[in-house]
Amino acid sequence: MAYGKAHPGTGLTIGVVLELEGPPPGRRQLDASLRPVAELLGTGPSDGGPWTGADGNAEAAPERGLTDVAHEALARPLEPHRWSCSTVAGLPGGTSALVWRADHRLLDGAGVVGVLAALTGALGPGAHGPGAHGPGAHGPGALGPGAHGLGAHGPGAATASPARAEPWRARGALHRAVTDPLRAAWLCGTPLLERRRGNAAEAAGDPPATLSYACAETDLGLLRGIARRHGTTVNDVYLAALSGALRAQPQLHGHDGQMRALVPVNVRGPGDAAVLRNRHIPLRIPLPVAEPDAGRRLSLVAARTAGRARALRHPLVRAVFRSVPAVAGGWCFERYFDPGRATLLASNVRGPSSPLVVAGRRVLRILPLNFLPAGHRLSTVLATAQGRAVAGFTTTEPRSAAESFAAAWLGELRVLATAGPWGRVQAAGVDATASPAASAR
């Protein structure tokens, strides 16, 4: 049975909320910006036009900030396999917001980055899809030099010793040529062969329709600096900070008290680099929530992620992935997101580092949106673009709890920033904000 039919109360909305300089673009300008998006996706917006009913070019209420817009965007329903775009005027400081949302069955996080490139004109003439940003963006190498999930922000972001991060590298390419496909088969196949367990929350019905959203924002250099000192990756730092923040949030843990992150890995290859639709495989990573030391948590995360993304990028894995019929997607989705075995969707999407402009308006900030799987209590997404790192948190907890968790995640980054691998104390004066204060400009 398709995932949407099995869980009709669960939305699969992903996307971005962009803060634009000045008032929102007019309809004609927005139509021109959205035309290449529709061409890339092969489908128009959910209502046949760029506007989502009354939400199109709405006026912001007093004290309504960018995170409020994101919070409300997750609550609005979206048709399966479709996308929508709306604008909000009158944000604090005279700015506006553009909300681009899509059903996850239409595309994945790398596809959203491709859409962002099309929307902002970053693709340029003759370029198409998520691989069009070049080596520093989200495309065919998007799990090497950088983008979605494990290994994101890897070689270019941290000077990790290959032997330290992946001890088997010293054994040579021949050894990896044999072990990587076997490892990938185990990583991909085990969840599909397991009997689906579910959990009590899922058995009682789908998650509440009202979701809470909060975000935390900081300089990307902070995460890169931590990764460099510890010989890990930005993605490892992200997951380690999640582990620390979850220590004080037992209500978000799994039914057995454990936390197993589900990290999507982009498996696009040279032949499908321009594909916006889903090209990822989720990996389960046990989070060391019980470990009291922050530095030790980062080391444990790094040990558990090392080499896994590389194994999934093996050409044989891509070939098998492309051969799976579309009708099997829902069946696979059910097992990968089984709340009895995976308790936290933790995405990582790398966007362009250069300044972005939409319909003549400069993009000031980018907030990522992520869906909450059925039976789960929390999902997170780390988006990096324009030198900033923004973590978005979606939960069934009250919004105050979501904001508290966002602040705790930032606090964990500060702890990691003060402790070097040899116990050296580093300066902790970093630029970091958590919502709602982050949205006040």
Protein backbone atom coordinates (compact mmCIF):
# COMPACT_ATOMS: atom_id res chain seq x y z
CA MET A 1 0.00 0.00 0.00
CA ALA A 2 1.26 3.51 -0.81
CA TYR A 3 2.55 5.44 2.20
CA GLY A 4 0.08 8.29 1.71
CA LYS A 5 -2.92 5.93 1.64
CA ALA A 6 -1.69 4.06 4.70
CA HIS A 7 -1.23 7.33 6.62
CA PRO A 8 -3.74 9.84 5.23
CA GLY A 9 -3.20 12.25 8.13
CA THR A 10 0.53 12.50 7.53
CA GLY A 11 1.75 15.32 5.30
CA LEU A 12 4.89 14.85 3.21
CA THR A 13 5.71 18.53 2.76
CA ILE A 14 9.29 19.63 2.16
CA GLY A 15 10.56 22.95 0.84
CA VAL A 16 12.03 26.33 1.75
CA VAL A 17 10.91 29.67 3.12
CA LEU A 18 12.94 32.54 1.68
CA GLU A 19 13.15 35.97 3.27
CA LEU A 20 13.34 38.55 0.48
CA GLU A 21 14.60 42.10 0.63
CA GLY A 22 11.72 44.55 0.30
CA PRO A 23 8.14 43.75 -0.78
CA PRO A 24 7.28 40.48 -2.54
CA PRO A 25 7.57 40.26 -6.33
CA GLY A 26 4.54 40.93 -8.47
CA ARG A 27 2.63 38.13 -10.12
CA ARG A 28 4.21 38.64 -13.53
CA GLN A 29 7.72 38.56 -12.04
CA LEU A 30 6.95 35.46 -10.02
CA ASP A 31 5.40 33.72 -13.02
CA ALA A 32 8.63 34.27 -14.95
CA SER A 33 10.72 32.88 -12.08
CA LEU A 34 8.48 29.83 -11.65
CA ARG A 35 8.39 28.89 -15.33
CA PRO A 36 11.75 27.01 -15.28
CA VAL A 37 10.68 25.27 -12.06
CA ALA A 38 7.56 23.89 -13.74
CA GLU A 39 9.65 22.82 -16.74
CA LEU A 40 12.14 20.97 -14.54
CA LEU A 41 9.46 19.19 -12.52
CA GLY A 42 7.19 18.48 -15.46
CA THR A 43 4.13 19.62 -13.52
CA GLY A 44 2.49 22.86 -12.53
CA PRO A 45 1.55 24.06 -9.04
CA SER A 46 -1.16 22.32 -7.04
CA ASP A 47 -3.85 24.81 -8.08
CA GLY A 48 -2.77 25.40 -11.66
CA GLY A 49 -1.08 28.72 -10.93
CA PRO A 50 1.75 30.11 -8.80
CA TRP A 51 -0.56 31.14 -5.95
CA THR A 52 -2.02 28.98 -3.19
CA GLY A 53 -5.46 30.54 -2.86
CA ALA A 54 -5.81 33.20 -0.19
CA ASP A 55 -2.22 32.69 0.92
CA GLY A 56 -0.87 34.32 -2.21
CA ASN A 57 0.76 37.64 -1.33
CA ALA A 58 -0.84 37.67 2.13
CA GLU A 59 -0.10 40.42 4.59
CA ALA A 60 1.79 39.40 7.71
CA ALA A 61 0.07 39.96 11.03
CA PRO A 62 1.79 42.21 13.58
CA GLU A 63 4.86 40.57 15.14
CA ARG A 64 4.73 37.77 12.58
CA GLY A 65 8.24 36.70 11.67
CA LEU A 66 9.84 34.34 9.18
CA THR A 67 9.67 31.32 11.50
CA ASP A 68 5.95 31.98 11.98
CA VAL A 69 5.54 31.77 8.21
CA ALA A 70 7.43 28.44 8.16
CA HIS A 71 5.38 27.14 11.09
CA GLU A 72 2.14 27.92 9.25
CA ALA A 73 3.42 26.51 5.95
CA LEU A 74 3.74 23.01 7.42
CA ALA A 75 0.10 23.06 8.54
CA ARG A 76 -1.34 23.73 5.08
CA PRO A 77 -2.32 20.62 3.07
CA LEU A 78 -0.64 19.87 -0.23
CA GLU A 79 -1.78 17.60 -3.03
CA PRO A 80 0.28 14.43 -3.64
CA HIS A 81 3.02 14.79 -6.25
CA ARG A 82 2.45 18.54 -6.56
CA TRP A 83 4.08 21.79 -5.44
CA SER A 84 2.97 25.30 -4.50
CA CYS A 85 4.37 28.78 -4.11
CA SER A 86 3.05 31.72 -2.09
CA THR A 87 4.32 35.04 -0.79
CA VAL A 88 3.85 36.98 2.43
CA ALA A 89 4.31 40.74 2.69
CA GLY A 90 4.94 43.01 5.65
CA LEU A 91 7.47 41.10 7.70
CA PRO A 92 9.50 43.00 10.35
CA GLY A 93 12.03 45.33 8.76
CA GLY A 94 9.99 45.71 5.58
CA THR A 95 11.01 42.34 4.18
CA SER A 96 8.78 39.66 2.63
CA ALA A 97 8.70 35.89 2.39
CA LEU A 98 8.42 33.42 -0.46
CA VAL A 99 7.23 29.93 0.51
CA TRP A 100 8.00 27.08 -1.90
CA ARG A 101 6.60 23.70 -0.86
CA ALA A 102 6.38 20.31 -2.54
CA ASP A 103 5.13 16.84 -1.78
CA HIS A 104 8.13 14.60 -1.00
CA ARG A 105 6.87 12.02 -3.47
CA LEU A 106 7.61 14.55 -6.21
CA LEU A 107 11.26 15.23 -5.33
CA ASP A 108 13.84 15.01 -2.56
CA GLY A 109 16.11 17.49 -0.76
CA ALA A 110 18.61 17.58 -3.60
CA GLY A 111 15.72 18.28 -5.93
CA VAL A 112 14.65 21.22 -3.76
CA VAL A 113 18.14 22.67 -4.19
CA GLY A 114 17.77 22.26 -7.94
CA VAL A 115 14.44 24.06 -7.77
CA LEU A 116 16.03 26.84 -5.71
CA ALA A 117 18.68 27.20 -8.39
CA ALA A 118 16.03 27.44 -11.10
CA LEU A 119 13.95 29.87 -9.07
CA THR A 120 16.90 32.19 -8.47
CA GLY A 121 18.39 31.83 -11.94
CA ALA A 122 21.53 30.21 -10.52
CA LEU A 123 21.37 27.44 -13.10
CA GLY A 124 22.32 29.74 -15.94
CA PRO A 125 21.67 29.04 -19.61
CA GLY A 126 21.79 25.41 -20.61
CA ALA A 127 22.15 24.08 -17.07
CA HIS A 128 19.58 21.88 -15.44
CA GLY A 129 18.92 20.16 -12.15
CA PRO A 130 20.61 19.73 -8.80
CA GLY A 131 23.99 18.99 -10.29
CA ALA A 132 24.24 22.33 -12.04
CA HIS A 133 25.86 24.27 -9.23
CA GLY A 134 29.19 22.62 -9.76
CA PRO A 135 31.44 20.70 -7.36
CA GLY A 136 30.53 22.81 -4.35
CA ALA A 137 26.83 22.16 -4.55
CA HIS A 138 24.13 19.54 -4.46
CA GLY A 139 24.45 17.19 -7.36
CA PRO A 140 26.31 14.12 -8.56
CA GLY A 141 29.05 14.55 -6.02
CA ALA A 142 26.57 15.54 -3.41
CA LEU A 143 27.79 13.11 -0.93
CA GLY A 144 31.40 13.62 -1.46
CA PRO A 145 32.32 17.26 -1.57
CA GLY A 146 28.97 18.04 -0.50
CA ALA A 147 25.35 17.89 0.03
CA HIS A 148 22.69 15.51 1.25
CA GLY A 149 23.10 13.38 4.36
CA LEU A 150 26.13 11.36 5.36
CA GLY A 151 29.39 12.64 4.02
CA ALA A 152 27.92 16.04 3.24
CA HIS A 153 30.45 18.82 3.63
CA GLY A 154 33.12 16.15 3.75
CA PRO A 155 36.56 16.54 2.15
CA GLY A 156 36.25 20.27 1.61
CA ALA A 157 34.95 21.01 5.08
CA ALA A 158 37.18 19.10 7.44
CA THR A 159 40.76 17.91 7.25
CA ALA A 160 40.00 14.43 8.51
CA SER A 161 42.70 11.81 8.34
CA PRO A 162 41.48 9.07 5.97
CA ALA A 163 42.92 6.39 8.24
CA ARG A 164 41.19 7.93 11.24
CA ALA A 165 37.80 8.42 9.60
CA GLU A 166 37.81 5.21 7.55
CA PRO A 167 40.51 2.76 8.70
CA TRP A 168 39.86 0.35 5.82
CA ARG A 169 41.04 2.91 3.27
CA ALA A 170 44.59 1.83 3.94
CA ARG A 171 43.68 -1.61 2.61
CA GLY A 172 43.39 -0.21 -0.91
CA ALA A 173 40.90 0.20 -3.69
CA LEU A 174 40.66 -3.52 -4.41
CA HIS A 175 39.51 -4.23 -0.88
CA ARG A 176 36.91 -1.44 -1.05
CA ALA A 177 35.68 -2.68 -4.43
CA VAL A 178 34.66 -5.91 -2.72
CA THR A 179 33.52 -4.66 0.67
CA ASP A 180 31.57 -1.55 -0.40
CA PRO A 181 28.88 -3.41 -2.41
CA LEU A 182 28.51 -5.97 0.40
CA ARG A 183 28.23 -3.22 2.98
CA ALA A 184 25.72 -1.33 0.84
CA ALA A 185 23.60 -4.47 0.40
CA TRP A 186 23.51 -4.90 4.17
CA LEU A 187 22.71 -1.23 4.83
CA CYS A 188 19.94 -1.08 2.23
CA GLY A 189 18.54 -4.58 2.49
CA THR A 190 18.29 -5.10 6.23
CA PRO A 191 15.45 -2.58 6.79
CA LEU A 192 13.51 -4.03 3.85
CA LEU A 193 13.75 -7.61 5.11
CA GLU A 194 12.75 -6.80 8.66
CA ARG A 195 9.16 -7.24 9.74
CA ARG A 196 7.52 -3.86 10.21
CA ARG A 197 6.90 -3.20 13.90
CA GLY A 198 5.38 0.29 14.13
CA ASN A 199 4.78 1.80 17.56
CA ALA A 200 1.96 2.71 19.91
CA ALA A 201 1.68 6.27 18.60
CA GLU A 202 1.23 5.04 15.05
CA ALA A 203 -1.24 2.32 16.10
CA ALA A 204 -3.39 4.95 17.80
CA GLY A 205 -3.61 6.93 14.58
CA ASP A 206 -1.59 9.36 12.53
CA PRO A 207 0.29 12.24 14.21
CA PRO A 208 -1.78 15.30 15.12
CA ALA A 209 -2.50 17.54 12.15
CA THR A 210 -0.93 20.51 13.93
CA LEU A 211 2.86 20.43 13.82
CA SER A 212 5.30 22.79 15.48
CA TYR A 213 8.30 24.34 13.77
CA ALA A 214 11.39 26.05 15.11
CA CYS A 215 14.82 26.77 13.72
CA ALA A 216 18.36 27.53 14.83
CA GLU A 217 20.80 29.53 12.72
CA THR A 218 24.53 30.03 12.91
CA ASP A 219 27.58 30.67 10.76
CA LEU A 220 28.58 27.66 8.68
CA GLY A 221 32.18 28.33 9.68
CA LEU A 222 31.34 27.26 13.24
CA LEU A 223 30.37 23.74 12.16
CA ARG A 224 33.28 23.52 9.74
CA GLY A 225 35.71 24.62 12.43
CA ILE A 226 34.44 21.96 14.86
CA ALA A 227 34.64 19.31 12.13
CA ARG A 228 38.18 20.34 11.21
CA ARG A 229 39.47 20.21 14.78
CA HIS A 230 37.93 16.81 15.45
CA GLY A 231 38.76 15.29 12.07
CA THR A 232 35.12 14.63 11.20
CA THR A 233 32.48 16.15 8.89
CA VAL A 234 29.84 18.84 9.22
CA ASN A 235 27.20 16.12 9.10
CA ASP A 236 28.84 14.36 12.06
CA VAL A 237 28.81 17.62 14.02
CA TYR A 238 25.13 18.11 13.18
CA LEU A 239 24.21 14.62 14.38
CA ALA A 240 26.36 14.86 17.50
CA ALA A 241 24.67 18.13 18.48
CA LEU A 242 21.29 16.46 17.95
CA SER A 243 22.41 13.64 20.25
CA GLY A 244 23.32 16.11 22.98
CA ALA A 245 20.11 18.12 22.63
CA LEU A 246 18.04 14.93 22.88
CA ARG A 247 19.57 13.97 26.22
CA ALA A 248 17.21 16.33 28.05
CA GLN A 249 14.19 15.45 25.87
CA PRO A 250 13.14 11.88 26.81
CA GLN A 251 9.65 12.45 25.38
CA LEU A 252 11.25 12.52 21.93
CA HIS A 253 13.09 9.23 22.35
CA GLY A 254 11.97 5.95 20.83
CA HIS A 255 9.73 3.50 22.65
CA ASP A 256 12.80 1.61 23.86
CA GLY A 257 14.61 4.77 24.95
CA GLN A 258 16.94 4.65 21.94
CA MET A 259 17.37 7.20 19.14
CA ARG A 260 18.06 5.95 15.65
CA ALA A 261 18.47 8.69 13.08
CA LEU A 262 17.37 8.09 9.53
CA VAL A 263 19.77 10.02 7.31
CA PRO A 264 18.94 10.32 3.58
CA VAL A 265 21.93 9.77 1.30
CA ASN A 266 21.92 11.21 -2.20
CA VAL A 267 22.87 8.41 -4.62
CA ARG A 268 22.78 10.40 -7.86
CA GLY A 269 25.42 9.41 -10.33
CA PRO A 270 26.81 11.00 -13.50
CA GLY A 271 23.87 9.66 -15.49
CA ASP A 272 21.12 11.14 -13.33
CA ALA A 273 22.76 14.22 -11.84
CA ALA A 274 20.05 16.48 -13.27
CA VAL A 275 17.15 14.40 -11.90
CA LEU A 276 15.10 16.33 -9.35
CA ARG A 277 12.95 13.39 -8.33
CA ASN A 278 13.84 11.09 -5.46
CA ARG A 279 17.32 9.64 -5.72
CA HIS A 280 18.25 8.85 -2.14
CA ILE A 281 18.55 5.95 0.26
CA PRO A 282 18.02 6.48 4.01
CA LEU A 283 20.54 5.07 6.47
CA ARG A 284 19.94 4.27 10.12
CA ILE A 285 22.51 5.77 12.47
CA PRO A 286 22.17 5.02 16.23
CA LEU A 287 22.70 8.27 18.11
CA PRO A 288 24.83 8.13 21.31
CA VAL A 289 22.25 9.94 23.45
CA ALA A 290 23.35 8.13 26.62
CA GLU A 291 26.97 9.34 26.33
CA PRO A 292 27.49 12.29 28.73
CA ASP A 293 30.59 13.78 27.09
CA ALA A 294 30.05 15.97 24.00
CA GLY A 295 33.43 15.20 22.45
CA ARG A 296 32.91 11.50 22.92
CA ARG A 297 29.46 11.75 21.31
CA LEU A 298 31.03 13.30 18.23
CA SER A 299 33.64 10.54 18.06
CA LEU A 300 30.96 7.85 18.33
CA VAL A 301 28.86 9.46 15.60
CA ALA A 302 31.90 9.71 13.31
CA ALA A 303 32.70 6.04 13.88
CA ARG A 304 29.13 5.03 13.03
CA THR A 305 28.90 7.08 9.83
CA ALA A 306 32.38 6.46 8.41
CA GLY A 307 32.33 4.90 4.96
CA ARG A 308 28.60 4.28 4.81
CA ALA A 309 27.77 7.03 2.34
CA ARG A 310 30.68 6.03 0.12
CA ALA A 311 29.39 2.46 0.03
CA LEU A 312 25.97 3.65 -1.12
CA ARG A 313 27.52 5.64 -3.95
CA HIS A 314 28.88 2.47 -5.51
CA PRO A 315 27.80 2.12 -9.17
CA LEU A 316 26.12 -1.23 -8.44
CA VAL A 317 23.90 0.42 -5.85
CA ARG A 318 22.85 3.09 -8.34
CA ALA A 319 22.06 0.42 -10.93
CA VAL A 320 19.89 -1.53 -8.49
CA PHE A 321 18.19 1.67 -7.30
CA ARG A 322 17.23 2.65 -10.84
CA SER A 323 15.82 -0.83 -11.50
CA VAL A 324 13.37 -0.75 -8.58
CA PRO A 325 9.85 -0.17 -9.97
CA ALA A 326 8.07 2.98 -8.85
CA VAL A 327 5.19 0.95 -7.41
CA ALA A 328 7.59 -0.51 -4.84
CA GLY A 329 8.46 2.95 -3.52
CA GLY A 330 5.66 3.06 -0.96
CA TRP A 331 6.53 -0.41 0.36
CA CYS A 332 10.19 0.59 0.79
CA PHE A 333 9.18 3.91 2.36
CA GLU A 334 7.04 2.11 4.97
CA ARG A 335 9.95 -0.03 6.11
CA TYR A 336 12.65 2.60 6.08
CA PHE A 337 10.48 4.96 8.12
CA ASP A 338 9.14 2.29 10.48
CA PRO A 339 8.85 4.21 13.78
CA GLY A 340 9.60 1.01 15.68
CA ARG A 341 13.11 1.00 14.22
CA ALA A 342 13.91 4.59 13.18
CA THR A 343 12.94 7.47 15.44
CA LEU A 344 14.37 10.63 13.87
CA LEU A 345 14.51 11.80 10.26
CA ALA A 346 17.70 13.89 10.04
CA SER A 347 18.26 15.39 6.59
CA ASN A 348 21.21 17.51 5.50
CA VAL A 349 20.96 19.64 2.36
CA ARG A 350 23.70 21.81 0.95
CA GLY A 351 22.71 24.80 -1.13
CA PRO A 352 24.73 27.33 -3.12
CA SER A 353 27.27 29.48 -1.32
CA SER A 354 26.85 32.48 -3.62
CA PRO A 355 24.25 35.22 -3.02
CA LEU A 356 20.78 34.44 -4.39
CA VAL A 357 18.22 36.71 -6.04
CA VAL A 358 14.54 35.91 -6.75
CA ALA A 359 12.69 38.14 -9.20
CA GLY A 360 15.06 41.00 -8.49
CA ARG A 361 14.83 40.59 -4.68
CA ARG A 362 17.90 39.57 -2.72
CA VAL A 363 17.48 36.45 -0.59
CA LEU A 364 18.36 37.36 3.00
CA ARG A 365 17.67 34.09 4.76
CA ILE A 366 16.61 30.52 3.95
CA LEU A 367 14.59 28.32 6.32
CA PRO A 368 14.24 24.62 5.38
CA LEU A 369 11.01 22.63 5.77
CA ASN A 370 10.90 18.90 6.47
CA PHE A 371 7.98 16.51 6.91
CA LEU A 372 7.31 14.37 9.98
CA PRO A 373 6.91 10.63 9.22
CA ALA A 374 3.94 8.78 10.70
CA GLY A 375 4.55 7.71 14.28
CA HIS A 376 7.63 9.92 14.67
CA ARG A 377 7.90 12.76 17.18
CA LEU A 378 10.70 14.81 15.61
CA SER A 379 12.31 15.42 12.24
CA THR A 380 15.19 17.76 11.49
CA VAL A 381 16.90 19.22 8.46
CA LEU A 382 20.19 21.10 8.23
CA ALA A 383 20.39 23.50 5.29
CA THR A 384 23.61 25.31 4.45
CA ALA A 385 23.68 28.17 1.95
CA GLN A 386 25.26 31.59 1.57
CA GLY A 387 27.73 30.82 4.39
CA ARG A 388 24.98 30.13 6.92
CA ALA A 389 23.76 26.90 8.55
CA VAL A 390 20.08 26.66 9.50
CA ALA A 391 18.58 23.68 11.30
CA GLY A 392 14.81 23.28 11.05
CA PHE A 393 12.91 21.19 13.60
CA THR A 394 9.42 19.75 13.05
CA THR A 395 7.70 18.06 15.98
CA THR A 396 4.36 17.09 17.50
CA GLU A 397 5.43 18.82 20.73
CA PRO A 398 4.20 22.38 21.51
CA ARG A 399 6.02 25.14 19.69
CA SER A 400 7.69 26.30 22.89
CA ALA A 401 9.26 22.84 23.19
CA ALA A 402 10.44 23.02 19.57
CA GLU A 403 12.08 26.39 20.23
CA SER A 404 13.69 25.03 23.39
CA PHE A 405 15.12 22.12 21.40
CA ALA A 406 16.48 24.50 18.76
CA ALA A 407 18.26 26.49 21.48
CA ALA A 408 19.63 23.27 22.99
CA TRP A 409 21.06 22.23 19.60
CA LEU A 410 22.88 25.56 19.35
CA GLY A 411 24.11 25.10 22.90
CA GLU A 412 25.63 21.76 21.96
CA LEU A 413 27.50 23.42 19.10
CA ARG A 414 28.95 25.93 21.57
CA VAL A 415 30.10 23.10 23.81
CA LEU A 416 31.79 21.35 20.89
CA ALA A 417 33.38 24.65 19.83
CA THR A 418 35.08 25.06 23.23
CA ALA A 419 36.69 21.64 23.41
CA GLY A 420 39.37 20.68 20.90
CA PRO A 421 40.39 17.06 20.36
CA TRP A 422 43.21 17.44 22.88
CA GLY A 423 41.21 19.36 25.47
CA ARG A 424 42.22 22.79 24.22
CA VAL A 425 39.79 25.59 25.01
CA GLN A 426 38.58 27.51 21.97
CA ALA A 427 36.86 30.89 21.84
CA ALA A 428 33.08 30.45 21.94
CA GLY A 429 31.97 33.87 20.75
CA VAL A 430 29.95 32.64 17.79
CA ASP A 431 27.08 34.22 15.89
CA ALA A 432 24.15 31.92 16.53
CA THR A 433 20.42 32.46 17.00
CA ALA A 434 17.42 30.27 17.67
CA SER A 435 13.82 31.02 16.78
CA PRO A 436 11.75 33.01 17.54
CA ALA A 437 14.50 35.54 18.27
CA ALA A 438 16.24 34.51 15.06
CA SER A 439 13.32 35.77 13.01
CA ALA A 440 13.28 39.23 14.58
CA ARG A 441 15.15 41.64 12.37
